[in-house]
């Protein structure tokens, strides 16, 4: 999942609870909504 997030152009951060990884969050600087149309 982390590799997929990175190939999507996102920065991935992992969350760990009591020594066990429980999730990952992908953060990305998104395109302006009109960019594709422009």
ModelCIF file with pLDDT and N, C-alpha, C, O atoms, coordinates in Angstrom:
data_MODEL
#
_entry.id   MODEL 
#
_entity.id                         1 
_entity.type                       polymer 
_entity.pdbx_number_of_molecules   1 
#
_entity_poly.entity_id                      1 
_entity_poly.type                           'polypeptide(L)' 
_entity_poly.nstd_linkage                   no 
_entity_poly.nstd_monomer                   no 
_entity_poly.pdbx_seq_one_letter_code       
;(UNK)(UNK)(UNK)(UNK)(UNK)(UNK)(UNK)(UNK)(UNK)(UNK)(UNK)(UNK)(UNK)(UNK)(UNK)(UNK)
(UNK)(UNK)(UNK)(UNK)(UNK)(UNK)(UNK)(UNK)(UNK)(UNK)(UNK)(UNK)(UNK)(UNK)(UNK)(UNK)
(UNK)(UNK)(UNK)(UNK)(UNK)(UNK)
;
_entity_poly.pdbx_seq_one_letter_code_can   XXXXXXXXXXXXXXXXXXXXXXXXXXXXXXXXXXXXXX 
_entity_poly.pdbx_strand_id                 A 
#
loop_
_entity_poly_seq.entity_id 
_entity_poly_seq.num 
_entity_poly_seq.mon_id 
_entity_poly_seq.hetero 
1 1  UNK n 
1 2  UNK n 
1 3  UNK n 
1 4  UNK n 
1 5  UNK n 
1 6  UNK n 
1 7  UNK n 
1 8  UNK n 
1 9  UNK n 
1 10 UNK n 
1 11 UNK n 
1 12 UNK n 
1 13 UNK n 
1 14 UNK n 
1 15 UNK n 
1 16 UNK n 
1 17 UNK n 
1 18 UNK n 
1 19 UNK n 
1 20 UNK n 
1 21 UNK n 
1 22 UNK n 
1 23 UNK n 
1 24 UNK n 
1 25 UNK n 
1 26 UNK n 
1 27 UNK n 
1 28 UNK n 
1 29 UNK n 
1 30 UNK n 
1 31 UNK n 
1 32 UNK n 
1 33 UNK n 
1 34 UNK n 
1 35 UNK n 
1 36 UNK n 
1 37 UNK n 
1 38 UNK n 
#
_struct_asym.id          A 
_struct_asym.entity_id   1 
#
loop_
_ma_qa_metric.id 
_ma_qa_metric.mode 
_ma_qa_metric.name 
_ma_qa_metric.software_group_id 
_ma_qa_metric.type 
1 global pLDDT . pLDDT 
2 local  pLDDT . pLDDT 
#
_ma_qa_metric_global.metric_id      1 
_ma_qa_metric_global.metric_value   89.03 
_ma_qa_metric_global.model_id       1 
_ma_qa_metric_global.ordinal_id     1 
#
loop_
_ma_qa_metric_local.label_asym_id 
_ma_qa_metric_local.label_comp_id 
_ma_qa_metric_local.label_seq_id 
_ma_qa_metric_local.metric_id 
_ma_qa_metric_local.metric_value 
_ma_qa_metric_local.model_id 
_ma_qa_metric_local.ordinal_id 
A UNK 1  2 92.00 1 1  
A UNK 2  2 89.00 1 2  
A UNK 3  2 87.00 1 3  
A UNK 4  2 89.00 1 4  
A UNK 5  2 88.00 1 5  
A UNK 6  2 82.00 1 6  
A UNK 7  2 83.00 1 7  
A UNK 8  2 82.00 1 8  
A UNK 9  2 78.00 1 9  
A UNK 10 2 84.00 1 10 
A UNK 11 2 81.00 1 11 
A UNK 12 2 87.00 1 12 
A UNK 13 2 90.00 1 13 
A UNK 14 2 94.00 1 14 
A UNK 15 2 94.00 1 15 
A UNK 16 2 93.00 1 16 
A UNK 17 2 92.00 1 17 
A UNK 18 2 90.00 1 18 
A UNK 19 2 90.00 1 19 
A UNK 20 2 92.00 1 20 
A UNK 21 2 93.00 1 21 
A UNK 22 2 93.00 1 22 
A UNK 23 2 94.00 1 23 
A UNK 24 2 94.00 1 24 
A UNK 25 2 94.00 1 25 
A UNK 26 2 92.00 1 26 
A UNK 27 2 89.00 1 27 
A UNK 28 2 86.00 1 28 
A UNK 29 2 82.00 1 29 
A UNK 30 2 82.00 1 30 
A UNK 31 2 86.00 1 31 
A UNK 32 2 88.00 1 32 
A UNK 33 2 89.00 1 33 
A UNK 34 2 91.00 1 34 
A UNK 35 2 92.00 1 35 
A UNK 36 2 93.00 1 36 
A UNK 37 2 94.00 1 37 
A UNK 38 2 94.00 1 38 
#
loop_
_atom_site.group_PDB 
_atom_site.id 
_atom_site.type_symbol 
_atom_site.label_atom_id 
_atom_site.label_alt_id 
_atom_site.label_comp_id 
_atom_site.label_asym_id 
_atom_site.label_entity_id 
_atom_site.label_seq_id 
_atom_site.pdbx_PDB_ins_code 
_atom_site.Cartn_x 
_atom_site.Cartn_y 
_atom_site.Cartn_z 
_atom_site.occupancy 
_atom_site.B_iso_or_equiv 
_atom_site.pdbx_formal_charge 
_atom_site.auth_seq_id 
_atom_site.auth_comp_id 
_atom_site.auth_asym_id 
_atom_site.auth_atom_id 
_atom_site.pdbx_PDB_model_num 
ATOM 1   N N  . UNK A 1 1  ? 0.829   -1.209 0.000   1.00 92.00 ? 1  UNK A N  1 
ATOM 2   C CA . UNK A 1 1  ? 0.000   0.000  0.000   1.00 92.00 ? 1  UNK A CA 1 
ATOM 3   C C  . UNK A 1 1  ? 0.864   1.260  0.000   1.00 92.00 ? 1  UNK A C  1 
ATOM 4   O O  . UNK A 1 1  ? 0.558   2.225  -0.700  1.00 92.00 ? 1  UNK A O  1 
ATOM 5   N N  . UNK A 1 2  ? 1.931   1.250  0.777   1.00 89.00 ? 2  UNK A N  1 
ATOM 6   C CA . UNK A 1 2  ? 2.829   2.409  0.843   1.00 89.00 ? 2  UNK A CA 1 
ATOM 7   C C  . UNK A 1 2  ? 3.470   2.652  -0.517  1.00 89.00 ? 2  UNK A C  1 
ATOM 8   O O  . UNK A 1 2  ? 3.579   3.797  -0.957  1.00 89.00 ? 2  UNK A O  1 
ATOM 9   N N  . UNK A 1 3  ? 3.897   1.573  -1.189  1.00 87.00 ? 3  UNK A N  1 
ATOM 10  C CA . UNK A 1 3  ? 4.502   1.712  -2.511  1.00 87.00 ? 3  UNK A CA 1 
ATOM 11  C C  . UNK A 1 3  ? 3.502   2.279  -3.512  1.00 87.00 ? 3  UNK A C  1 
ATOM 12  O O  . UNK A 1 3  ? 3.841   3.113  -4.351  1.00 87.00 ? 3  UNK A O  1 
ATOM 13  N N  . UNK A 1 4  ? 2.254   1.803  -3.403  1.00 89.00 ? 4  UNK A N  1 
ATOM 14  C CA . UNK A 1 4  ? 1.214   2.313  -4.304  1.00 89.00 ? 4  UNK A CA 1 
ATOM 15  C C  . UNK A 1 4  ? 0.976   3.803  -4.069  1.00 89.00 ? 4  UNK A C  1 
ATOM 16  O O  . UNK A 1 4  ? 0.819   4.567  -5.021  1.00 89.00 ? 4  UNK A O  1 
ATOM 17  N N  . UNK A 1 5  ? 0.950   4.214  -2.804  1.00 88.00 ? 5  UNK A N  1 
ATOM 18  C CA . UNK A 1 5  ? 0.748   5.628  -2.481  1.00 88.00 ? 5  UNK A CA 1 
ATOM 19  C C  . UNK A 1 5  ? 1.868   6.492  -3.053  1.00 88.00 ? 5  UNK A C  1 
ATOM 20  O O  . UNK A 1 5  ? 1.627   7.569  -3.596  1.00 88.00 ? 5  UNK A O  1 
ATOM 21  N N  . UNK A 1 6  ? 3.088   6.000  -2.919  1.00 82.00 ? 6  UNK A N  1 
ATOM 22  C CA . UNK A 1 6  ? 4.220   6.775  -3.405  1.00 82.00 ? 6  UNK A CA 1 
ATOM 23  C C  . UNK A 1 6  ? 4.204   6.892  -4.923  1.00 82.00 ? 6  UNK A C  1 
ATOM 24  O O  . UNK A 1 6  ? 4.556   7.939  -5.468  1.00 82.00 ? 6  UNK A O  1 
ATOM 25  N N  . UNK A 1 7  ? 3.799   5.827  -5.610  1.00 83.00 ? 7  UNK A N  1 
ATOM 26  C CA . UNK A 1 7  ? 3.726   5.889  -7.072  1.00 83.00 ? 7  UNK A CA 1 
ATOM 27  C C  . UNK A 1 7  ? 2.554   6.747  -7.538  1.00 83.00 ? 7  UNK A C  1 
ATOM 28  O O  . UNK A 1 7  ? 2.498   7.151  -8.700  1.00 83.00 ? 7  UNK A O  1 
ATOM 29  N N  . UNK A 1 8  ? 1.628   7.021  -6.637  1.00 82.00 ? 8  UNK A N  1 
ATOM 30  C CA . UNK A 1 8  ? 0.535   7.942  -6.956  1.00 82.00 ? 8  UNK A CA 1 
ATOM 31  C C  . UNK A 1 8  ? 0.943   9.385  -6.711  1.00 82.00 ? 8  UNK A C  1 
ATOM 32  O O  . UNK A 1 8  ? 0.138   10.305 -6.855  1.00 82.00 ? 8  UNK A O  1 
ATOM 33  N N  . UNK A 1 9  ? 2.213   9.573  -6.335  1.00 78.00 ? 9  UNK A N  1 
ATOM 34  C CA . UNK A 1 9  ? 2.714   10.929 -6.124  1.00 78.00 ? 9  UNK A CA 1 
ATOM 35  C C  . UNK A 1 9  ? 2.454   11.478 -4.746  1.00 78.00 ? 9  UNK A C  1 
ATOM 36  O O  . UNK A 1 9  ? 2.501   12.692 -4.551  1.00 78.00 ? 9  UNK A O  1 
ATOM 37  N N  . UNK A 1 10 ? 2.179   10.618 -3.779  1.00 84.00 ? 10 UNK A N  1 
ATOM 38  C CA . UNK A 1 10 ? 1.846   11.070 -2.429  1.00 84.00 ? 10 UNK A CA 1 
ATOM 39  C C  . UNK A 1 10 ? 2.991   10.791 -1.455  1.00 84.00 ? 10 UNK A C  1 
ATOM 40  O O  . UNK A 1 10 ? 3.847   9.943  -1.705  1.00 84.00 ? 10 UNK A O  1 
ATOM 41  N N  . UNK A 1 11 ? 2.986   11.516 -0.351  1.00 81.00 ? 11 UNK A N  1 
ATOM 42  C CA . UNK A 1 11 ? 3.889   11.244 0.763   1.00 81.00 ? 11 UNK A CA 1 
ATOM 43  C C  . UNK A 1 11 ? 3.148   10.339 1.748   1.00 81.00 ? 11 UNK A C  1 
ATOM 44  O O  . UNK A 1 11 ? 2.061   10.684 2.214   1.00 81.00 ? 11 UNK A O  1 
ATOM 45  N N  . UNK A 1 12 ? 3.730   9.193  2.062   1.00 87.00 ? 12 UNK A N  1 
ATOM 46  C CA . UNK A 1 12 ? 3.063   8.226  2.945   1.00 87.00 ? 12 UNK A CA 1 
ATOM 47  C C  . UNK A 1 12 ? 3.648   8.296  4.350   1.00 87.00 ? 12 UNK A C  1 
ATOM 48  O O  . UNK A 1 12 ? 4.867   8.329  4.521   1.00 87.00 ? 12 UNK A O  1 
ATOM 49  N N  . UNK A 1 13 ? 2.766   8.319  5.362   1.00 90.00 ? 13 UNK A N  1 
ATOM 50  C CA . UNK A 1 13 ? 3.188   8.234  6.765   1.00 90.00 ? 13 UNK A CA 1 
ATOM 51  C C  . UNK A 1 13 ? 2.488   7.035  7.402   1.00 90.00 ? 13 UNK A C  1 
ATOM 52  O O  . UNK A 1 13 ? 1.322   6.752  7.127   1.00 90.00 ? 13 UNK A O  1 
ATOM 53  N N  . UNK A 1 14 ? 3.224   6.347  8.252   1.00 94.00 ? 14 UNK A N  1 
ATOM 54  C CA . UNK A 1 14 ? 2.689   5.137  8.903   1.00 94.00 ? 14 UNK A CA 1 
ATOM 55  C C  . UNK A 1 14 ? 2.303   5.455  10.341  1.00 94.00 ? 14 UNK A C  1 
ATOM 56  O O  . UNK A 1 14 ? 2.905   6.311  10.990  1.00 94.00 ? 14 UNK A O  1 
ATOM 57  N N  . UNK A 1 15 ? 1.274   4.740  10.827  1.00 94.00 ? 15 UNK A N  1 
ATOM 58  C CA . UNK A 1 15 ? 0.815   4.897  12.206  1.00 94.00 ? 15 UNK A CA 1 
ATOM 59  C C  . UNK A 1 15 ? 0.951   3.555  12.907  1.00 94.00 ? 15 UNK A C  1 
ATOM 60  O O  . UNK A 1 15 ? 0.524   2.523  12.391  1.00 94.00 ? 15 UNK A O  1 
ATOM 61  N N  . UNK A 1 16 ? 1.556   3.585  14.095  1.00 93.00 ? 16 UNK A N  1 
ATOM 62  C CA . UNK A 1 16 ? 1.837   2.361  14.849  1.00 93.00 ? 16 UNK A CA 1 
ATOM 63  C C  . UNK A 1 16 ? 1.208   2.465  16.240  1.00 93.00 ? 16 UNK A C  1 
ATOM 64  O O  . UNK A 1 16 ? 1.287   3.508  16.889  1.00 93.00 ? 16 UNK A O  1 
ATOM 65  N N  . UNK A 1 17 ? 0.587   1.381  16.686  1.00 92.00 ? 17 UNK A N  1 
ATOM 66  C CA . UNK A 1 17 ? -0.039  1.321  18.012  1.00 92.00 ? 17 UNK A CA 1 
ATOM 67  C C  . UNK A 1 17 ? 0.516   0.125  18.769  1.00 92.00 ? 17 UNK A C  1 
ATOM 68  O O  . UNK A 1 17 ? 0.285   -1.027 18.402  1.00 92.00 ? 17 UNK A O  1 
ATOM 69  N N  . UNK A 1 18 ? 1.258   0.423  19.837  1.00 90.00 ? 18 UNK A N  1 
ATOM 70  C CA . UNK A 1 18 ? 1.817   -0.614 20.691  1.00 90.00 ? 18 UNK A CA 1 
ATOM 71  C C  . UNK A 1 18 ? 2.688   -1.597 19.905  1.00 90.00 ? 18 UNK A C  1 
ATOM 72  O O  . UNK A 1 18 ? 2.607   -2.810 20.099  1.00 90.00 ? 18 UNK A O  1 
ATOM 73  N N  . UNK A 1 19 ? 3.519   -1.052 19.018  1.00 90.00 ? 19 UNK A N  1 
ATOM 74  C CA . UNK A 1 19 ? 4.467   -1.865 18.262  1.00 90.00 ? 19 UNK A CA 1 
ATOM 75  C C  . UNK A 1 19 ? 3.913   -2.501 17.011  1.00 90.00 ? 19 UNK A C  1 
ATOM 76  O O  . UNK A 1 19 ? 4.650   -3.172 16.288  1.00 90.00 ? 19 UNK A O  1 
ATOM 77  N N  . UNK A 1 20 ? 2.617   -2.309 16.730  1.00 92.00 ? 20 UNK A N  1 
ATOM 78  C CA . UNK A 1 20 ? 2.004   -2.911 15.552  1.00 92.00 ? 20 UNK A CA 1 
ATOM 79  C C  . UNK A 1 20 ? 1.535   -1.803 14.602  1.00 92.00 ? 20 UNK A C  1 
ATOM 80  O O  . UNK A 1 20 ? 0.811   -0.896 15.014  1.00 92.00 ? 20 UNK A O  1 
ATOM 81  N N  . UNK A 1 21 ? 1.951   -1.878 13.318  1.00 93.00 ? 21 UNK A N  1 
ATOM 82  C CA . UNK A 1 21 ? 1.493   -0.890 12.356  1.00 93.00 ? 21 UNK A CA 1 
ATOM 83  C C  . UNK A 1 21 ? 0.008   -1.113 12.089  1.00 93.00 ? 21 UNK A C  1 
ATOM 84  O O  . UNK A 1 21 ? -0.415  -2.231 11.797  1.00 93.00 ? 21 UNK A O  1 
ATOM 85  N N  . UNK A 1 22 ? -0.787  -0.032 12.190  1.00 93.00 ? 22 UNK A N  1 
ATOM 86  C CA . UNK A 1 22 ? -2.245  -0.174 12.036  1.00 93.00 ? 22 UNK A CA 1 
ATOM 87  C C  . UNK A 1 22 ? -2.772  0.559  10.802  1.00 93.00 ? 22 UNK A C  1 
ATOM 88  O O  . UNK A 1 22 ? -3.916  0.356  10.396  1.00 93.00 ? 22 UNK A O  1 
ATOM 89  N N  . UNK A 1 23 ? -1.935  1.411  10.208  1.00 94.00 ? 23 UNK A N  1 
ATOM 90  C CA . UNK A 1 23 ? -2.452  2.126  9.043   1.00 94.00 ? 23 UNK A CA 1 
ATOM 91  C C  . UNK A 1 23 ? -1.408  3.031  8.403   1.00 94.00 ? 23 UNK A C  1 
ATOM 92  O O  . UNK A 1 23 ? -0.321  3.249  8.938   1.00 94.00 ? 23 UNK A O  1 
ATOM 93  N N  . UNK A 1 24 ? -1.781  3.547  7.241   1.00 94.00 ? 24 UNK A N  1 
ATOM 94  C CA . UNK A 1 24 ? -0.934  4.493  6.509   1.00 94.00 ? 24 UNK A CA 1 
ATOM 95  C C  . UNK A 1 24 ? -1.815  5.591  5.941   1.00 94.00 ? 24 UNK A C  1 
ATOM 96  O O  . UNK A 1 24 ? -2.952  5.347  5.536   1.00 94.00 ? 24 UNK A O  1 
ATOM 97  N N  . UNK A 1 25 ? -1.281  6.796  5.915   1.00 94.00 ? 25 UNK A N  1 
ATOM 98  C CA . UNK A 1 25 ? -2.008  7.952  5.386   1.00 94.00 ? 25 UNK A CA 1 
ATOM 99  C C  . UNK A 1 25 ? -1.199  8.549  4.246   1.00 94.00 ? 25 UNK A C  1 
ATOM 100 O O  . UNK A 1 25 ? -0.005  8.807  4.394   1.00 94.00 ? 25 UNK A O  1 
ATOM 101 N N  . UNK A 1 26 ? -1.850  8.770  3.109   1.00 92.00 ? 26 UNK A N  1 
ATOM 102 C CA . UNK A 1 26 ? -1.195  9.371  1.937   1.00 92.00 ? 26 UNK A CA 1 
ATOM 103 C C  . UNK A 1 26 ? -1.604  10.836 1.833   1.00 92.00 ? 26 UNK A C  1 
ATOM 104 O O  . UNK A 1 26 ? -2.791  11.162 1.815   1.00 92.00 ? 26 UNK A O  1 
ATOM 105 N N  . UNK A 1 27 ? -0.614  11.708 1.767   1.00 89.00 ? 27 UNK A N  1 
ATOM 106 C CA . UNK A 1 27 ? -0.860  13.151 1.664   1.00 89.00 ? 27 UNK A CA 1 
ATOM 107 C C  . UNK A 1 27 ? -0.243  13.647 0.370   1.00 89.00 ? 27 UNK A C  1 
ATOM 108 O O  . UNK A 1 27 ? 0.908   13.337 0.063   1.00 89.00 ? 27 UNK A O  1 
ATOM 109 N N  . UNK A 1 28 ? -1.009  14.417 -0.387  1.00 86.00 ? 28 UNK A N  1 
ATOM 110 C CA . UNK A 1 28 ? -0.519  14.915 -1.664  1.00 86.00 ? 28 UNK A CA 1 
ATOM 111 C C  . UNK A 1 28 ? -1.017  16.337 -1.901  1.00 86.00 ? 28 UNK A C  1 
ATOM 112 O O  . UNK A 1 28 ? -2.119  16.705 -1.493  1.00 86.00 ? 28 UNK A O  1 
ATOM 113 N N  . UNK A 1 29 ? -0.179  17.123 -2.568  1.00 82.00 ? 29 UNK A N  1 
ATOM 114 C CA . UNK A 1 29 ? -0.570  18.460 -2.988  1.00 82.00 ? 29 UNK A CA 1 
ATOM 115 C C  . UNK A 1 29 ? -1.418  18.305 -4.240  1.00 82.00 ? 29 UNK A C  1 
ATOM 116 O O  . UNK A 1 29 ? -0.891  18.008 -5.313  1.00 82.00 ? 29 UNK A O  1 
ATOM 117 N N  . UNK A 1 30 ? -2.727  18.503 -4.115  1.00 82.00 ? 30 UNK A N  1 
ATOM 118 C CA . UNK A 1 30 ? -3.651  18.189 -5.190  1.00 82.00 ? 30 UNK A CA 1 
ATOM 119 C C  . UNK A 1 30 ? -3.658  19.244 -6.293  1.00 82.00 ? 30 UNK A C  1 
ATOM 120 O O  . UNK A 1 30 ? -3.343  20.413 -6.069  1.00 82.00 ? 30 UNK A O  1 
ATOM 121 N N  . UNK A 1 31 ? -4.025  18.793 -7.488  1.00 86.00 ? 31 UNK A N  1 
ATOM 122 C CA . UNK A 1 31 ? -4.200  19.711 -8.609  1.00 86.00 ? 31 UNK A CA 1 
ATOM 123 C C  . UNK A 1 31 ? -5.320  20.697 -8.316  1.00 86.00 ? 31 UNK A C  1 
ATOM 124 O O  . UNK A 1 31 ? -6.263  20.383 -7.589  1.00 86.00 ? 31 UNK A O  1 
ATOM 125 N N  . UNK A 1 32 ? -5.210  21.888 -8.886  1.00 88.00 ? 32 UNK A N  1 
ATOM 126 C CA . UNK A 1 32 ? -6.341  22.804 -8.854  1.00 88.00 ? 32 UNK A CA 1 
ATOM 127 C C  . UNK A 1 32 ? -7.507  22.143 -9.594  1.00 88.00 ? 32 UNK A C  1 
ATOM 128 O O  . UNK A 1 32 ? -7.282  21.420 -10.564 1.00 88.00 ? 32 UNK A O  1 
ATOM 129 N N  . UNK A 1 33 ? -8.731  22.374 -9.159  1.00 89.00 ? 33 UNK A N  1 
ATOM 130 C CA . UNK A 1 33 ? -9.870  21.677 -9.779  1.00 89.00 ? 33 UNK A CA 1 
ATOM 131 C C  . UNK A 1 33 ? -10.029 21.976 -11.264 1.00 89.00 ? 33 UNK A C  1 
ATOM 132 O O  . UNK A 1 33 ? -10.568 21.156 -12.008 1.00 89.00 ? 33 UNK A O  1 
ATOM 133 N N  . UNK A 1 34 ? -9.562  23.152 -11.703 1.00 91.00 ? 34 UNK A N  1 
ATOM 134 C CA . UNK A 1 34 ? -9.725  23.509 -13.107 1.00 91.00 ? 34 UNK A CA 1 
ATOM 135 C C  . UNK A 1 34 ? -8.535  23.113 -13.966 1.00 91.00 ? 34 UNK A C  1 
ATOM 136 O O  . UNK A 1 34 ? -8.560  23.331 -15.178 1.00 91.00 ? 34 UNK A O  1 
ATOM 137 N N  . UNK A 1 35 ? -7.468  22.525 -13.362 1.00 92.00 ? 35 UNK A N  1 
ATOM 138 C CA . UNK A 1 35 ? -6.217  22.283 -14.091 1.00 92.00 ? 35 UNK A CA 1 
ATOM 139 C C  . UNK A 1 35 ? -6.412  21.358 -15.294 1.00 92.00 ? 35 UNK A C  1 
ATOM 140 O O  . UNK A 1 35 ? -5.915  21.653 -16.381 1.00 92.00 ? 35 UNK A O  1 
ATOM 141 N N  . UNK A 1 36 ? -7.123  20.252 -15.116 1.00 93.00 ? 36 UNK A N  1 
ATOM 142 C CA . UNK A 1 36 ? -7.298  19.300 -16.223 1.00 93.00 ? 36 UNK A CA 1 
ATOM 143 C C  . UNK A 1 36 ? -7.998  19.962 -17.405 1.00 93.00 ? 36 UNK A C  1 
ATOM 144 O O  . UNK A 1 36 ? -7.583  19.801 -18.553 1.00 93.00 ? 36 UNK A O  1 
ATOM 145 N N  . UNK A 1 37 ? -9.063  20.709 -17.114 1.00 94.00 ? 37 UNK A N  1 
ATOM 146 C CA . UNK A 1 37 ? -9.820  21.356 -18.180 1.00 94.00 ? 37 UNK A CA 1 
ATOM 147 C C  . UNK A 1 37 ? -8.969  22.400 -18.892 1.00 94.00 ? 37 UNK A C  1 
ATOM 148 O O  . UNK A 1 37 ? -9.039  22.537 -20.114 1.00 94.00 ? 37 UNK A O  1 
ATOM 149 N N  . UNK A 1 38 ? -8.163  23.138 -18.125 1.00 94.00 ? 38 UNK A N  1 
ATOM 150 C CA . UNK A 1 38 ? -7.308  24.169 -18.725 1.00 94.00 ? 38 UNK A CA 1 
ATOM 151 C C  . UNK A 1 38 ? -6.286  23.540 -19.667 1.00 94.00 ? 38 UNK A C  1 
ATOM 152 O O  . UNK A 1 38 ? -5.478  24.251 -20.265 1.00 94.00 ? 38 UNK A O  1 
#
